[in-house]
């Protein structure tokens, strides 16, 4: 009788776990599908990678992510899961064409996250995605650990304050200014982040475009409207957005935590 009870308990636990896994997978799939409406144009990206917690437009020619989109909210910021950091690994959705972690060895550049690992520490699966090499670009150490990190922290402060944010993060290559590290991995000239907050009353957005160089300036010097960022980056950020995009033309710094 005891053995039968243990068998029933084990079967019930496994079924419950399977149902929970299916539920989590459904939530993640719905999230990645919902992000498609925010997709920017793909100027250099030749491959669209649809993961559970982010979308990535990847250039196998330049071996860099063109852009990535993800959602961040107060619940994720305040999560106490603290998923463990991981080693960088190839993106399983790409059989070839990505940079390898070894391409950065002795290059003088950091493996710079486009979607920050700290934004993904609410889930082990999300954290793993942030360490795919498809989410990495060469960044100068003084940039990656300086002004870029400062911007990442500001993004998290805004998500904690506002709730749901849609974030587009990426890099820009200027014609005629291309430099490379090992194995033809191109070095970006600019990095950017676009933040969009939507609620029933209004939509608000802010953009930051940073030259890829050490900087001790305040982030406010790089803050601009989405329309201004589009002129620098050379493409339309919300070209699939079905509703009005008037929010692209307006920047109200008072709506945002900038430094």
C-alpha atoms as a PDB file:
ATOM      1  CA  UNK A   1       0.000   0.000   0.000  1.00  0.00           C
ATOM      2  CA  UNK A   2       2.853   2.351   0.909  1.00  0.00           C
ATOM      3  CA  UNK A   3       4.589   1.549  -2.384  1.00  0.00           C
ATOM      4  CA  UNK A   4       1.363   2.297  -4.290  1.00  0.00           C
ATOM      5  CA  UNK A   5       1.030   5.646  -2.491  1.00  0.00           C
ATOM      6  CA  UNK A   6       4.620   6.566  -3.349  1.00  0.00           C
ATOM      7  CA  UNK A   7       4.031   5.617  -6.991  1.00  0.00           C
ATOM      8  CA  UNK A   8       0.879   7.788  -7.140  1.00  0.00           C
ATOM      9  CA  UNK A   9       2.742  10.718  -5.546  1.00  0.00           C
ATOM     10  CA  UNK A  10       5.596  10.423  -8.046  1.00  0.00           C
ATOM     11  CA  UNK A  11       3.226  10.280 -11.031  1.00  0.00           C
ATOM     12  CA  UNK A  12       1.235  13.262  -9.716  1.00  0.00           C
ATOM     13  CA  UNK A  13       4.412  15.315  -9.188  1.00  0.00           C
ATOM     14  CA  UNK A  14       5.740  14.534 -12.674  1.00  0.00           C
ATOM     15  CA  UNK A  15       2.408  15.419 -14.277  1.00  0.00           C
ATOM     16  CA  UNK A  16       2.235  18.680 -12.329  1.00  0.00           C
ATOM     17  CA  UNK A  17       5.803  19.516 -13.311  1.00  0.00           C
ATOM     18  CA  UNK A  18       5.072  18.777 -16.968  1.00  0.00           C
ATOM     19  CA  UNK A  19       1.988  21.001 -16.878  1.00  0.00           C
ATOM     20  CA  UNK A  20       4.021  23.791 -15.272  1.00  0.00           C
ATOM     21  CA  UNK A  21       6.741  23.431 -17.943  1.00  0.00           C
ATOM     22  CA  UNK A  22       4.098  23.569 -20.690  1.00  0.00           C
ATOM     23  CA  UNK A  23       2.607  26.678 -19.077  1.00  0.00           C
ATOM     24  CA  UNK A  24       6.017  28.372 -18.892  1.00  0.00           C
ATOM     25  CA  UNK A  25       6.792  27.483 -22.490  1.00  0.00           C
ATOM     26  CA  UNK A  26       3.425  28.899 -23.605  1.00  0.00           C
ATOM     27  CA  UNK A  27       4.044  32.154 -21.743  1.00  0.00           C
ATOM     28  CA  UNK A  28       7.520  32.466 -23.265  1.00  0.00           C
ATOM     29  CA  UNK A  29       6.282  31.702 -26.791  1.00  0.00           C
ATOM     30  CA  UNK A  30       3.508  34.274 -26.489  1.00  0.00           C
ATOM     31  CA  UNK A  31       6.044  36.850 -25.276  1.00  0.00           C
ATOM     32  CA  UNK A  32       8.412  36.377 -28.226  1.00  0.00           C
ATOM     33  CA  UNK A  33       5.476  36.481 -30.661  1.00  0.00           C
ATOM     34  CA  UNK A  34       4.218  39.716 -29.079  1.00  0.00           C
ATOM     35  CA  UNK A  35       7.626  41.330 -29.531  1.00  0.00           C
ATOM     36  CA  UNK A  36       7.403  40.997 -33.324  1.00  0.00           C
ATOM     37  CA  UNK A  37       5.175  44.084 -33.623  1.00  0.00           C
ATOM     38  CA  UNK A  38       8.050  46.199 -32.262  1.00  0.00           C
ATOM     39  CA  UNK A  39      10.605  44.905 -34.766  1.00  0.00           C
ATOM     40  CA  UNK A  40      12.756  47.571 -36.429  1.00  0.00           C
ATOM     41  CA  UNK A  41      13.786  47.377 -40.043  1.00  0.00           C
ATOM     42  CA  UNK A  42      16.557  44.914 -40.790  1.00  0.00           C
ATOM     43  CA  UNK A  43      19.297  46.817 -42.564  1.00  0.00           C
ATOM     44  CA  UNK A  44      22.266  44.440 -42.185  1.00  0.00           C
ATOM     45  CA  UNK A  45      20.723  41.512 -40.325  1.00  0.00           C
ATOM     46  CA  UNK A  46      20.295  38.420 -42.508  1.00  0.00           C
ATOM     47  CA  UNK A  47      18.846  36.128 -39.828  1.00  0.00           C
ATOM     48  CA  UNK A  48      15.980  36.704 -37.388  1.00  0.00           C
ATOM     49  CA  UNK A  49      16.441  34.660 -34.221  1.00  0.00           C
ATOM     50  CA  UNK A  50      13.257  34.123 -32.205  1.00  0.00           C
ATOM     51  CA  UNK A  51      14.079  33.065 -28.658  1.00  0.00           C
ATOM     52  CA  UNK A  52      11.807  32.782 -25.646  1.00  0.00           C
ATOM     53  CA  UNK A  53      12.746  36.107 -24.085  1.00  0.00           C
ATOM     54  CA  UNK A  54      14.227  38.115 -26.950  1.00  0.00           C
ATOM     55  CA  UNK A  55      14.284  38.611 -30.700  1.00  0.00           C
ATOM     56  CA  UNK A  56      17.635  39.177 -32.403  1.00  0.00           C
ATOM     57  CA  UNK A  57      18.393  40.404 -35.913  1.00  0.00           C
ATOM     58  CA  UNK A  58      21.810  38.912 -36.616  1.00  0.00           C
ATOM     59  CA  UNK A  59      24.357  39.628 -39.348  1.00  0.00           C
ATOM     60  CA  UNK A  60      26.396  36.561 -40.224  1.00  0.00           C
ATOM     61  CA  UNK A  61      28.503  38.749 -42.498  1.00  0.00           C
ATOM     62  CA  UNK A  62      29.576  41.118 -39.714  1.00  0.00           C
ATOM     63  CA  UNK A  63      29.194  38.459 -36.977  1.00  0.00           C
ATOM     64  CA  UNK A  64      27.227  40.885 -34.819  1.00  0.00           C
ATOM     65  CA  UNK A  65      23.650  41.367 -33.647  1.00  0.00           C
ATOM     66  CA  UNK A  66      22.086  44.273 -35.486  1.00  0.00           C
ATOM     67  CA  UNK A  67      19.447  44.678 -32.786  1.00  0.00           C
ATOM     68  CA  UNK A  68      17.646  42.787 -30.050  1.00  0.00           C
ATOM     69  CA  UNK A  69      14.186  43.366 -28.557  1.00  0.00           C
ATOM     70  CA  UNK A  70      13.019  42.305 -25.123  1.00  0.00           C
ATOM     71  CA  UNK A  71      10.579  43.196 -22.367  1.00  0.00           C
ATOM     72  CA  UNK A  72      11.529  44.336 -18.894  1.00  0.00           C
ATOM     73  CA  UNK A  73       9.194  45.092 -16.008  1.00  0.00           C
ATOM     74  CA  UNK A  74       9.120  45.742 -12.296  1.00  0.00           C
ATOM     75  CA  UNK A  75       8.447  42.105 -11.431  1.00  0.00           C
ATOM     76  CA  UNK A  76      11.562  40.952 -13.284  1.00  0.00           C
ATOM     77  CA  UNK A  77      13.722  43.708 -11.844  1.00  0.00           C
ATOM     78  CA  UNK A  78      12.645  42.859  -8.304  1.00  0.00           C
ATOM     79  CA  UNK A  79      12.828  39.089  -8.808  1.00  0.00           C
ATOM     80  CA  UNK A  80      14.964  37.296  -6.247  1.00  0.00           C
ATOM     81  CA  UNK A  81      15.669  34.310  -8.496  1.00  0.00           C
ATOM     82  CA  UNK A  82      19.196  35.576  -9.201  1.00  0.00           C
ATOM     83  CA  UNK A  83      19.889  33.114 -12.010  1.00  0.00           C
ATOM     84  CA  UNK A  84      23.558  32.152 -12.120  1.00  0.00           C
ATOM     85  CA  UNK A  85      25.934  33.679 -14.629  1.00  0.00           C
ATOM     86  CA  UNK A  86      26.958  31.368 -17.453  1.00  0.00           C
ATOM     87  CA  UNK A  87      29.754  30.900 -19.941  1.00  0.00           C
ATOM     88  CA  UNK A  88      29.285  32.337 -23.422  1.00  0.00           C
ATOM     89  CA  UNK A  89      28.101  29.724 -25.912  1.00  0.00           C
ATOM     90  CA  UNK A  90      27.095  29.443 -29.591  1.00  0.00           C
ATOM     91  CA  UNK A  91      23.463  30.221 -30.361  1.00  0.00           C
ATOM     92  CA  UNK A  92      21.760  26.845 -30.964  1.00  0.00           C
ATOM     93  CA  UNK A  93      19.502  28.521 -33.552  1.00  0.00           C
ATOM     94  CA  UNK A  94      22.545  29.311 -35.728  1.00  0.00           C
ATOM     95  CA  UNK A  95      24.634  26.445 -37.052  1.00  0.00           C
ATOM     96  CA  UNK A  96      27.350  28.750 -38.346  1.00  0.00           C
ATOM     97  CA  UNK A  97      28.109  32.404 -38.977  1.00  0.00           C
ATOM     98  CA  UNK A  98      28.401  33.619 -35.403  1.00  0.00           C
ATOM     99  CA  UNK A  99      31.541  34.752 -33.695  1.00  0.00           C
ATOM    100  CA  UNK A 100      33.076  32.349 -31.230  1.00  0.00           C
ATOM    101  CA  UNK A 101      33.991  33.346 -27.705  1.00  0.00           C
ATOM    102  CA  UNK A 102      37.615  32.627 -28.609  1.00  0.00           C
ATOM    103  CA  UNK A 103      37.508  35.338 -31.307  1.00  0.00           C
ATOM    104  CA  UNK A 104      37.598  37.892 -28.494  1.00  0.00           C
ATOM    105  CA  UNK A 105      40.661  36.423 -26.799  1.00  0.00           C
ATOM    106  CA  UNK A 106      43.553  38.900 -26.691  1.00  0.00           C
ATOM    107  CA  UNK A 107      41.585  41.229 -28.990  1.00  0.00           C
ATOM    108  CA  UNK A 108      41.516  44.150 -26.578  1.00  0.00           C
ATOM    109  CA  UNK A 109      37.687  44.108 -26.619  1.00  0.00           C
ATOM    110  CA  UNK A 110      35.091  42.879 -24.151  1.00  0.00           C
ATOM    111  CA  UNK A 111      32.296  40.501 -25.062  1.00  0.00           C
ATOM    112  CA  UNK A 112      29.632  43.181 -24.786  1.00  0.00           C
ATOM    113  CA  UNK A 113      26.036  42.129 -24.105  1.00  0.00           C
ATOM    114  CA  UNK A 114      23.377  43.760 -26.272  1.00  0.00           C
ATOM    115  CA  UNK A 115      20.681  42.433 -23.914  1.00  0.00           C
ATOM    116  CA  UNK A 116      22.303  42.702 -20.460  1.00  0.00           C
ATOM    117  CA  UNK A 117      22.668  39.548 -18.400  1.00  0.00           C
ATOM    118  CA  UNK A 118      21.448  41.442 -15.343  1.00  0.00           C
ATOM    119  CA  UNK A 119      18.121  42.103 -17.103  1.00  0.00           C
ATOM    120  CA  UNK A 120      17.686  38.348 -17.576  1.00  0.00           C
ATOM    121  CA  UNK A 121      18.515  37.060 -14.095  1.00  0.00           C
ATOM    122  CA  UNK A 122      14.849  36.380 -13.273  1.00  0.00           C
ATOM    123  CA  UNK A 123      15.084  33.011 -15.097  1.00  0.00           C
ATOM    124  CA  UNK A 124      17.766  30.416 -15.836  1.00  0.00           C
ATOM    125  CA  UNK A 125      16.481  30.089 -19.425  1.00  0.00           C
ATOM    126  CA  UNK A 126      16.512  33.845 -19.935  1.00  0.00           C
ATOM    127  CA  UNK A 127      20.007  34.110 -18.496  1.00  0.00           C
ATOM    128  CA  UNK A 128      21.231  31.392 -20.855  1.00  0.00           C
ATOM    129  CA  UNK A 129      19.836  33.279 -23.868  1.00  0.00           C
ATOM    130  CA  UNK A 130      21.724  36.409 -22.806  1.00  0.00           C
ATOM    131  CA  UNK A 131      24.991  34.458 -23.032  1.00  0.00           C
ATOM    132  CA  UNK A 132      24.455  33.276 -26.613  1.00  0.00           C
ATOM    133  CA  UNK A 133      27.192  34.691 -28.842  1.00  0.00           C
ATOM    134  CA  UNK A 134      24.415  36.099 -31.067  1.00  0.00           C
ATOM    135  CA  UNK A 135      23.837  38.625 -28.242  1.00  0.00           C
ATOM    136  CA  UNK A 136      27.449  39.835 -28.185  1.00  0.00           C
ATOM    137  CA  UNK A 137      29.373  42.640 -29.888  1.00  0.00           C
ATOM    138  CA  UNK A 138      32.984  43.811 -29.431  1.00  0.00           C
ATOM    139  CA  UNK A 139      33.071  46.671 -26.945  1.00  0.00           C
ATOM    140  CA  UNK A 140      36.015  48.633 -25.639  1.00  0.00           C
ATOM    141  CA  UNK A 141      36.456  47.803 -21.941  1.00  0.00           C
ATOM    142  CA  UNK A 142      36.254  51.489 -20.978  1.00  0.00           C
ATOM    143  CA  UNK A 143      32.956  51.765 -22.888  1.00  0.00           C
ATOM    144  CA  UNK A 144      31.414  48.475 -21.741  1.00  0.00           C
ATOM    145  CA  UNK A 145      32.243  49.017 -18.080  1.00  0.00           C
ATOM    146  CA  UNK A 146      31.635  52.762 -18.199  1.00  0.00           C
ATOM    147  CA  UNK A 147      28.944  54.685 -20.087  1.00  0.00           C
ATOM    148  CA  UNK A 148      27.242  51.512 -21.449  1.00  0.00           C
ATOM    149  CA  UNK A 149      26.908  50.033 -17.972  1.00  0.00           C
ATOM    150  CA  UNK A 150      25.603  53.376 -16.776  1.00  0.00           C
ATOM    151  CA  UNK A 151      22.912  53.243 -19.461  1.00  0.00           C
ATOM    152  CA  UNK A 152      22.000  49.645 -18.571  1.00  0.00           C
ATOM    153  CA  UNK A 153      21.503  50.710 -14.945  1.00  0.00           C
ATOM    154  CA  UNK A 154      19.292  53.623 -16.022  1.00  0.00           C
ATOM    155  CA  UNK A 155      17.131  51.247 -18.073  1.00  0.00           C
ATOM    156  CA  UNK A 156      16.564  49.044 -15.018  1.00  0.00           C
ATOM    157  CA  UNK A 157      15.642  52.066 -12.886  1.00  0.00           C
ATOM    158  CA  UNK A 158      13.017  53.056 -15.448  1.00  0.00           C
ATOM    159  CA  UNK A 159      11.584  49.538 -15.606  1.00  0.00           C
ATOM    160  CA  UNK A 160      11.336  49.446 -11.807  1.00  0.00           C
ATOM    161  CA  UNK A 161       9.534  52.807 -11.823  1.00  0.00           C
ATOM    162  CA  UNK A 162       7.265  52.511 -14.873  1.00  0.00           C
ATOM    163  CA  UNK A 163       6.494  48.803 -15.120  1.00  0.00           C
ATOM    164  CA  UNK A 164       6.502  47.247 -18.579  1.00  0.00           C
ATOM    165  CA  UNK A 165       9.120  48.566 -20.992  1.00  0.00           C
ATOM    166  CA  UNK A 166       9.842  47.439 -24.532  1.00  0.00           C
ATOM    167  CA  UNK A 167      13.579  47.811 -25.149  1.00  0.00           C
ATOM    168  CA  UNK A 168      15.406  47.767 -28.457  1.00  0.00           C
ATOM    169  CA  UNK A 169      19.166  47.573 -28.110  1.00  0.00           C
ATOM    170  CA  UNK A 170      21.724  47.354 -30.886  1.00  0.00           C
ATOM    171  CA  UNK A 171      24.713  48.662 -32.760  1.00  0.00           C
ATOM    172  CA  UNK A 172      25.487  50.713 -35.855  1.00  0.00           C
ATOM    173  CA  UNK A 173      28.233  50.383 -38.457  1.00  0.00           C
ATOM    174  CA  UNK A 174      29.212  53.402 -40.512  1.00  0.00           C
ATOM    175  CA  UNK A 175      30.201  52.877 -44.148  1.00  0.00           C
ATOM    176  CA  UNK A 176      33.926  53.131 -44.777  1.00  0.00           C
ATOM    177  CA  UNK A 177      34.810  52.969 -41.077  1.00  0.00           C
ATOM    178  CA  UNK A 178      34.776  49.203 -40.535  1.00  0.00           C
ATOM    179  CA  UNK A 179      37.401  47.631 -38.311  1.00  0.00           C
ATOM    180  CA  UNK A 180      37.588  44.014 -37.193  1.00  0.00           C
ATOM    181  CA  UNK A 181      38.940  41.754 -34.488  1.00  0.00           C
ATOM    182  CA  UNK A 182      39.775  38.072 -34.921  1.00  0.00           C
ATOM    183  CA  UNK A 183      37.980  35.990 -37.558  1.00  0.00           C
ATOM    184  CA  UNK A 184      36.326  38.982 -39.232  1.00  0.00           C
ATOM    185  CA  UNK A 185      34.191  40.080 -36.271  1.00  0.00           C
ATOM    186  CA  UNK A 186      33.273  43.704 -37.022  1.00  0.00           C
ATOM    187  CA  UNK A 187      33.577  46.464 -34.415  1.00  0.00           C
ATOM    188  CA  UNK A 188      30.512  48.782 -34.181  1.00  0.00           C
ATOM    189  CA  UNK A 189      30.825  52.575 -34.355  1.00  0.00           C
ATOM    190  CA  UNK A 190      27.751  53.303 -32.200  1.00  0.00           C
ATOM    191  CA  UNK A 191      25.521  51.505 -29.713  1.00  0.00           C
ATOM    192  CA  UNK A 192      21.951  52.485 -28.867  1.00  0.00           C
ATOM    193  CA  UNK A 193      18.944  51.718 -26.705  1.00  0.00           C
ATOM    194  CA  UNK A 194      15.314  52.633 -27.376  1.00  0.00           C
ATOM    195  CA  UNK A 195      12.820  52.508 -24.487  1.00  0.00           C
ATOM    196  CA  UNK A 196       9.059  52.467 -25.066  1.00  0.00           C
ATOM    197  CA  UNK A 197       6.436  52.645 -22.324  1.00  0.00           C
ATOM    198  CA  UNK A 198       2.784  52.103 -23.192  1.00  0.00           C
ATOM    199  CA  UNK A 199      -0.233  52.635 -20.974  1.00  0.00           C
ATOM    200  CA  UNK A 200      -3.894  53.519 -21.458  1.00  0.00           C
ATOM    201  CA  UNK A 201      -3.260  57.262 -21.222  1.00  0.00           C
ATOM    202  CA  UNK A 202      -0.193  57.719 -23.409  1.00  0.00           C
ATOM    203  CA  UNK A 203       2.873  56.230 -25.030  1.00  0.00           C
ATOM    204  CA  UNK A 204       6.291  57.649 -24.285  1.00  0.00           C
ATOM    205  CA  UNK A 205       9.724  56.807 -25.660  1.00  0.00           C
ATOM    206  CA  UNK A 206      13.330  57.820 -25.277  1.00  0.00           C
ATOM    207  CA  UNK A 207      16.435  56.943 -27.274  1.00  0.00           C
ATOM    208  CA  UNK A 208      20.130  56.936 -26.440  1.00  0.00           C
ATOM    209  CA  UNK A 209      22.802  56.728 -29.138  1.00  0.00           C
ATOM    210  CA  UNK A 210      26.357  56.399 -27.829  1.00  0.00           C
ATOM    211  CA  UNK A 211      29.571  56.687 -29.853  1.00  0.00           C
ATOM    212  CA  UNK A 212      31.692  53.590 -29.239  1.00  0.00           C
ATOM    213  CA  UNK A 213      34.322  55.343 -27.148  1.00  0.00           C
ATOM    214  CA  UNK A 214      35.165  56.016 -23.539  1.00  0.00           C
ATOM    215  CA  UNK A 215      32.979  58.780 -22.129  1.00  0.00           C
ATOM    216  CA  UNK A 216      32.606  60.546 -18.812  1.00  0.00           C
ATOM    217  CA  UNK A 217      29.622  62.583 -19.991  1.00  0.00           C
ATOM    218  CA  UNK A 218      26.164  62.477 -18.437  1.00  0.00           C
ATOM    219  CA  UNK A 219      23.673  60.199 -20.158  1.00  0.00           C
ATOM    220  CA  UNK A 220      21.413  63.190 -20.726  1.00  0.00           C
ATOM    221  CA  UNK A 221      23.853  64.378 -23.406  1.00  0.00           C
ATOM    222  CA  UNK A 222      23.010  61.274 -25.464  1.00  0.00           C
ATOM    223  CA  UNK A 223      19.245  61.279 -24.865  1.00  0.00           C
ATOM    224  CA  UNK A 224      17.086  62.079 -27.892  1.00  0.00           C
ATOM    225  CA  UNK A 225      13.772  61.339 -29.551  1.00  0.00           C
ATOM    226  CA  UNK A 226      13.338  58.116 -31.497  1.00  0.00           C
ATOM    227  CA  UNK A 227      13.092  60.135 -34.726  1.00  0.00           C
ATOM    228  CA  UNK A 228      16.486  61.700 -34.040  1.00  0.00           C
ATOM    229  CA  UNK A 229      17.967  58.273 -33.345  1.00  0.00           C
ATOM    230  CA  UNK A 230      16.580  56.976 -36.643  1.00  0.00           C
ATOM    231  CA  UNK A 231      18.511  59.667 -38.519  1.00  0.00           C
ATOM    232  CA  UNK A 232      21.780  58.574 -36.906  1.00  0.00           C
ATOM    233  CA  UNK A 233      21.152  54.835 -37.153  1.00  0.00           C
ATOM    234  CA  UNK A 234      19.708  54.965 -40.665  1.00  0.00           C
ATOM    235  CA  UNK A 235      16.544  52.911 -40.286  1.00  0.00           C
ATOM    236  CA  UNK A 236      12.997  52.914 -38.919  1.00  0.00           C
ATOM    237  CA  UNK A 237      12.612  51.465 -35.433  1.00  0.00           C
ATOM    238  CA  UNK A 238       8.844  50.915 -35.255  1.00  0.00           C
ATOM    239  CA  UNK A 239       7.968  50.256 -38.887  1.00  0.00           C
ATOM    240  CA  UNK A 240       5.690  47.308 -37.947  1.00  0.00           C
ATOM    241  CA  UNK A 241       3.896  49.163 -35.180  1.00  0.00           C
ATOM    242  CA  UNK A 242       0.216  49.194 -36.086  1.00  0.00           C
ATOM    243  CA  UNK A 243      -0.911  52.221 -34.075  1.00  0.00           C
ATOM    244  CA  UNK A 244       0.206  55.845 -34.278  1.00  0.00           C
ATOM    245  CA  UNK A 245       3.921  56.447 -33.802  1.00  0.00           C
ATOM    246  CA  UNK A 246       3.691  60.112 -32.844  1.00  0.00           C
ATOM    247  CA  UNK A 247       5.597  59.172 -29.683  1.00  0.00           C
ATOM    248  CA  UNK A 248       8.718  58.803 -31.862  1.00  0.00           C
ATOM    249  CA  UNK A 249       8.845  62.555 -32.449  1.00  0.00           C
ATOM    250  CA  UNK A 250       8.518  63.635 -28.819  1.00  0.00           C
ATOM    251  CA  UNK A 251      11.064  63.565 -26.018  1.00  0.00           C
ATOM    252  CA  UNK A 252      10.011  64.572 -22.527  1.00  0.00           C
ATOM    253  CA  UNK A 253      13.050  63.999 -20.328  1.00  0.00           C
ATOM    254  CA  UNK A 254      10.932  64.583 -17.223  1.00  0.00           C
ATOM    255  CA  UNK A 255       9.167  61.259 -17.941  1.00  0.00           C
ATOM    256  CA  UNK A 256      12.387  59.303 -17.509  1.00  0.00           C
ATOM    257  CA  UNK A 257      15.175  58.564 -15.062  1.00  0.00           C
ATOM    258  CA  UNK A 258      18.254  59.402 -17.121  1.00  0.00           C
ATOM    259  CA  UNK A 259      21.272  59.380 -14.781  1.00  0.00           C
END
